[in-house]
């Protein structure tokens, strides 16, 4: 081998260089080439191995690629789906177009409802075999990612709730701001999102008439302004069960979801009407489309999709346009001769008149449908979802709008661990007090709401109404059943258990606005007839109802703030004229002869610096008593941003009360209940011979009520007629600090007890 290589190289060198070259140069070249060839020969095994490995890798990649493409061909989302078409006797493969690559569900939630709906929708989409992704808007950067959805063939769903004053909640705030700015920024252009397909479902409450589903409407509008295409009409879920189209926000979502799933299936199967928008509605169906519709009639449809009716099918939209109707009367071409312009404008005018007339006829027809004998029956206030939520919180629901719940102070006093501040201030026996409400609905959505806004809201009574006697009967029965659960419980005193089975007091302050109940006076009379005292709390939004209210043992008005701005910020009232209503309610309170109370809830960093304004409000209502209490923190709530930092210490509440009392001429600090973080300011008329008389003679009160009824309300009584002497341990400055020495105080370890009642 070596001799053969030498001979070959020698010949090459001689033929290339000629015999006239020097032999030295010939042999130098020959030696170098010989050495190079020998080095290649020595590594021949490595070279062969490399070639073999490369061939193996190439074969493996080709094999895996073919299997992967074959598997993708079986999925309707795969880009390599092929159909066999025979042309000239040969099979030609035709690549199909991807119509739906998946679904992305974006949510912006404050109370968790939108997030829950988003996850529910995701599960339904997955059951149809579509890829799905759920995204929190607070973690999504629209500037970087939204434009990518234009080319991804995905369908984007936006589920957003409307918060205070029609603003988006915190999680959706940035997305909404960016989207709004993009619609007005020339750098993005009007076709920035052209090709993006989307659907919107808004969550709101129609009680807020000016801000109902504002965020959902805005997102829908902004996406459309950037040329995105909606696949169906915007859905609107209504928390107001009275006006909700399907009875509750959950039912509204279920109906919208059914239509959405149907639309996604149709888009995947190329059943969407791809007209240019120049034809009339439902008049541009091709033969192929009609054939597909006939074929799909026999296909199995999910159960929820079968539920939607023809009325909801009208919600489908085939373009992003709102349907101006201009094209309805024209040909498909967009070019017009000048002489045809007059006819074109006349056609437009006639078309608008026809639509207006049709809408008017439809409205009249719907009004006639509800005749004298066909009045729509009011809906129940307690929806299935609300019932589930309140039951989990320990409520015993009564009828369609009432409830009762066992107060923690009732449990405490059964064990001999002390009563609530009402026991200290007014002599209530906490273990004999029933906490109830005839109306779960409220006209406010306070930031410190104990119930985390699970109760409904409203500005007037629009629900079914139960009779007062039924409410009282079932309230007492449910309360007694709750008390029975403590029979034999370690620590419960037998004598107090027996007393607890006989209701003596009723705190109409459980949740909601009890004064909204149209038969509240009848309920109050029944309570007094059963020798049960009444402590009614109102949020100062119903002045006329306060004026019409029958005498109660003690009437409370919640004064959570002293200025218009802070009241709006804290109570978040539904009424537009909430401030005039608030002031009128205080004036109505001043006309009451029986005991009246201002209830102030201090929220640190919100309303503790409004002393002078509070003093002015006290001059308006002239209450007998002023309860000042630190806000109770009831755990994290997505309905508000209240934290432990907003809870004042008891010393801070005392300091605030002392400053407030100094501004009031006719009032002094009377009582204190440190355990509830609460103090009582009383009018000086309840200080008799240097001693406080803030307690109530409940038996004498019932006698006065009976006497007033027998005299047809002609013999009216006042607050001083049924006052009783306050014990020394309940007076402000006593060493007991409001704790009844008969009981034994129970202190929690390792943390300060600031729990309220």
Foldseek 3Di string as FASTA:
>chain_A
DLVVLLVVLLVVLCVVVPPVDDVVVSVVVSVVVSVVVVVCVVCVVVVVVVVVVVVVVVVVVVVVVVVVLVVLLVDLQRQAPWDWDADPNDTDTDTDDGQAQAEEEEEADLFCPLVVLSVVLCVVRVVVVGHYYYYFQLPDDCVPPVLVLLPNNHEYEYEFEAFFPLAGDPRCRVVLVVLVVLLVDPVCPQQNNANHEYEYEYEAACLLVVRASNSRVSVLVSCVSSNYWYQWAYFYFHCHQQPGPQRHSVRSSLQVSLVVSVSVVCSSVVLQDPDPPLEDPPPPDDPVNVVVVVVCVPPDGDPSNVPHDPVRVVRGDRGSDPCLPLSHPDDPDPDDDPVCVVVSVVVSVVVVVVVVVVVVVVVVVVVVVCDPVRPDAFAFQQDPVLVVLVVVVAWDDADRFKIWHQDVQLVCVQLQAFHAVCCLQANDSNVQETEMAQGQEAQWDFQLDLSLPSGHYHDADRHDADDLVRRVVVSLVVQLVVLVVCVPPPRGDPVSSVNSNHHQEYENPNHHARLRRPCSQVNQVVCLVSNYAYEHEGAQQCLVSLLVHDDGQEYEYEDAALDPVLCCVGGVGSDPPRPVSNLSNLQSLLPDFAAYEYEYEAWPPRHLPCLVSVLVSCVRNVGQKYKYAYRAHNDDGSSHPRDPVRTDQLVSSVVSVVVNQVSDDQWDWWFFDNLQSMTMIGGCVQQDPNFGFSYFQSVVVSVQVVVCVVVVNPDDHGHVRTTGTRDPLGTPPHPVRSGDPSGHHDADPPDHRNHHD
